[in-house]
Protein backbone atom coordinates (compact mmCIF):
# COMPACT_ATOMS: atom_id res chain seq x y z
CA ILE A 1 24.42 42.14 82.69
CA ALA A 2 26.28 43.81 85.46
CA LYS A 3 22.99 46.21 86.03
CA ALA A 4 21.06 42.62 86.90
CA LYS A 5 23.21 40.68 89.13
CA PHE A 6 24.33 43.99 91.24
CA PRO A 7 21.14 46.69 91.09
CA LEU A 8 23.13 49.40 93.23
CA ILE A 9 25.55 49.46 90.16
CA GLY A 10 22.68 50.23 87.98
CA ASP A 11 21.05 53.22 90.45
CA VAL A 12 24.55 54.37 90.76
CA LEU A 13 25.40 54.65 86.96
CA SER A 14 21.55 56.55 86.41
CA LEU A 15 22.55 58.53 89.16
CA GLY A 16 25.92 59.02 87.32
CA ASN A 17 23.89 59.85 84.07
CA ALA A 18 21.67 62.22 86.03
CA PHE A 19 24.86 64.10 87.66
CA THR A 20 26.27 64.48 84.60
CA GLN A 21 23.11 65.66 82.88
CA ALA A 22 22.20 68.18 85.45
CA VAL A 23 26.07 69.82 85.21
CA GLY A 24 25.76 69.59 81.66
CA ILE A 25 22.22 72.39 82.31
CA GLY A 26 24.35 74.24 85.13
CA LYS A 27 26.63 75.27 82.40
CA THR A 28 24.20 75.74 79.69
CA VAL A 29 22.72 78.24 82.12
CA VAL A 30 26.09 79.85 83.21
CA GLU A 31 26.89 80.77 79.68
CA VAL A 32 22.85 82.12 78.86
CA PHE A 33 24.01 84.41 81.65
CA GLN A 34 27.72 85.30 80.09
CA ALA A 35 25.61 85.97 77.17
CA ILE A 36 22.87 88.32 78.41
CA ASP A 37 25.78 90.13 80.53
CA GLN A 38 28.28 90.68 77.38
CA ALA A 39 25.06 91.96 75.45
CA LEU A 40 24.24 94.39 78.41
CA LYS A 41 27.46 95.82 79.10
CA PRO A 42 27.63 98.26 76.36
CA VAL A 43 23.80 99.20 76.74
CA VAL A 44 24.84 99.97 80.46
CA GLN A 45 28.34 101.50 79.40
CA ARG A 46 25.96 103.85 77.00
CA GLN A 47 23.55 105.05 79.39
CA LYS A 48 26.00 105.98 82.01
CA GLN A 49 27.93 108.25 79.22
CA LEU A 50 24.57 109.38 78.35
CA GLU A 51 23.63 110.38 81.87
CA GLY A 52 27.18 111.74 82.44
CA LEU A 53 26.89 114.00 79.51
CA ARG A 54 23.73 115.30 80.56
CA LEU A 55 25.09 115.94 84.24
CA SER A 56 28.13 117.80 82.29
CA PHE A 57 25.18 119.86 80.66
CA GLN A 58 23.49 120.21 83.46
CA GLY A 59 26.82 121.93 85.23
CA PHE A 60 27.11 124.11 82.61
CA GLY A 61 23.83 126.02 83.32
CA ALA A 62 21.31 123.80 80.99
CA SER A 63 18.17 122.67 82.57
CA ALA A 64 17.03 119.06 82.10
CA GLY A 65 15.27 119.77 79.36
CA ASP A 66 17.45 121.40 77.48
CA ALA A 67 20.32 118.67 78.55
CA ALA A 68 18.01 116.14 76.94
CA GLU A 69 18.14 118.30 74.01
CA LEU A 70 21.96 118.68 73.91
CA VAL A 71 22.35 115.10 73.80
CA GLU A 72 19.98 114.96 71.07
CA ALA A 73 21.74 117.62 68.89
CA ALA A 74 25.28 115.42 69.10
CA ARG A 75 23.08 112.56 67.77
CA ARG A 76 21.94 114.63 64.86
CA VAL A 77 25.47 116.60 64.63
CA SER A 78 27.06 112.83 64.66
CA LEU A 79 24.46 111.22 62.40
CA THR A 80 24.38 114.21 59.71
CA PHE A 81 28.37 114.44 59.54
CA GLY A 82 29.00 110.66 59.81
CA ALA A 83 31.29 111.67 63.14
CA SER A 84 31.36 109.54 66.20
CA LEU A 85 29.10 110.48 68.78
CA THR A 86 31.84 109.87 71.61
CA ASN A 87 33.58 112.49 69.78
CA ILE A 88 30.83 114.56 69.07
CA GLU A 89 29.73 114.20 72.82
CA LYS A 90 33.77 115.32 74.03
CA ALA A 91 33.65 118.07 71.75
CA PHE A 92 30.37 119.28 73.50
CA LYS A 93 31.66 118.81 76.68
CA ARG A 94 34.91 120.59 76.19
CA LEU A 95 33.08 123.19 73.73
CA THR A 96 30.33 124.19 76.25
CA PRO A 97 31.98 126.09 78.91
CA ALA A 98 33.94 127.69 76.60
CA ILE A 99 31.85 129.01 74.60
CA LEU A 100 29.20 129.96 77.45
CA GLN A 101 31.97 131.44 78.98
CA SER A 102 32.75 133.63 76.02
CA GLY A 103 29.25 134.43 76.17
CA GLY A 104 28.14 132.35 73.90
CA SER A 105 24.64 130.35 74.11
CA MET A 106 23.81 126.60 74.14
CA GLN A 107 22.26 127.10 70.91
CA GLU A 108 25.68 128.70 69.29
CA THR A 109 27.65 126.00 71.03
CA GLU A 110 25.52 123.87 68.91
CA GLU A 111 25.97 125.44 65.64
CA VAL A 112 29.74 125.50 66.26
CA ILE A 113 30.05 121.63 67.19
CA ALA A 114 28.26 121.08 64.02
CA ALA A 115 30.18 123.75 61.86
CA ILE A 116 32.97 122.03 63.19
CA SER A 117 32.15 118.40 62.19
CA ALA A 118 31.25 119.85 58.91
CA ARG A 119 34.77 121.04 58.65
CA THR A 120 36.72 118.02 59.96
CA VAL A 121 34.79 115.89 56.94
CA THR A 122 35.69 118.50 54.69
CA LEU A 123 39.06 118.50 55.23
CA GLY A 124 39.27 114.87 55.92
CA LEU A 125 40.80 114.95 59.19
CA ASN A 126 41.10 111.34 61.78
CA THR A 127 39.52 110.97 64.62
CA GLU A 128 42.87 112.00 66.62
CA GLN A 129 43.45 115.10 64.33
CA SER A 130 39.86 115.52 64.76
CA GLY A 131 40.15 115.70 68.71
CA ARG A 132 43.25 118.11 68.51
CA TYR A 133 40.97 120.48 66.44
CA VAL A 134 38.35 120.80 68.75
CA GLU A 135 40.90 120.96 71.97
CA ALA A 136 42.42 123.74 70.11
CA PHE A 137 39.51 125.73 69.25
CA ALA A 138 38.59 125.08 73.25
CA GLN A 139 41.75 126.59 73.99
CA VAL A 140 41.21 129.38 71.91
CA MET A 141 37.44 130.12 72.96
CA GLY A 142 38.68 129.12 77.04
CA LYS A 143 41.46 132.14 76.84
CA GLY A 144 39.29 134.89 76.11
CA LYS A 145 41.66 136.76 74.30
CA LEU A 146 43.48 135.21 71.26
CA GLN A 147 46.88 136.38 69.69
CA GLY A 148 48.84 135.81 66.17
CA GLU A 149 51.42 133.86 67.85
CA GLU A 150 48.87 131.48 69.77
CA LEU A 151 46.79 130.90 66.84
CA ASN A 152 49.64 130.09 64.53
CA GLN A 153 51.08 127.43 67.43
CA GLN A 154 48.09 125.75 67.72
CA PHE A 155 46.64 125.49 64.02
CA SER A 156 49.55 125.02 62.19
CA GLU A 157 49.16 121.52 61.34
CA LEU A 158 45.51 122.11 60.09
CA ASP A 159 46.38 123.98 56.99
CA GLY A 160 44.59 127.23 58.89
CA ALA A 161 41.03 125.78 58.59
CA LEU A 162 40.71 126.45 62.21
CA ARG A 163 41.49 129.93 61.59
CA GLY A 164 38.70 130.27 59.11
CA GLN A 165 36.43 128.79 61.36
CA ILE A 166 36.86 131.46 64.00
CA LYS A 167 36.29 133.91 61.53
CA SER A 168 33.54 132.51 60.57
CA TYR A 169 32.33 131.84 64.24
CA LEU A 170 33.12 135.34 64.59
CA GLN A 171 31.38 137.40 62.18
CA THR A 172 28.42 135.58 62.29
CA THR A 173 28.13 135.53 66.30
CA LYS A 174 29.78 138.75 67.25
CA GLY A 175 29.86 140.93 63.59
CA ILE A 176 33.56 140.65 63.27
CA THR A 177 34.86 141.09 59.85
CA ASP A 178 37.80 142.26 60.11
CA PHE A 179 39.88 139.28 61.80
CA GLU A 180 43.62 140.36 61.64
CA LYS A 181 42.54 143.90 62.73
CA ALA A 182 40.32 142.79 65.41
CA MET A 183 43.03 140.18 66.84
CA GLN A 184 45.38 143.52 66.91
CA ASN A 185 42.66 145.79 68.70
CA GLY A 186 42.65 143.24 71.04
CA GLU A 187 38.51 142.81 70.54
CA ILE A 188 39.32 139.09 70.25
């Protein structure tokens, strides 16, 4: 009735409805863009992490192709042992310079990290313990010379697991079979 007597009121009400609909559409568009942003953030973050890892490998002397291969190696190790890919990548970043400094190669780095991952799974270590295990191994590799008290101090919580890992690594790569004697002679 009001629309018939006052046509201007009808026009204002129609304009108000159109405005309300436009605001609703605008809100929906904003929500769609927010959802896309939230969906893409992890992808973008992951790409940044991978690029950082590739650059780290190139900083260690790997070619772009080798760096891509090492990123793939980290993925394989992660899938093989059910370990966090982020933690495996951290292990590569931490151990690669130490292993290269001690005369090892990129291939040996991959083998060491695979062996460490297998060991942490076998021991049932959680993420924090696995991280400490990798850090301890990197410190030993980076020192250049291993002494018994350091070994005992750094690895006491791991029940000698790392000691066995180091023995295995040295036997495989350096032919050292008597770990204790080689330590006493300063060969390690």
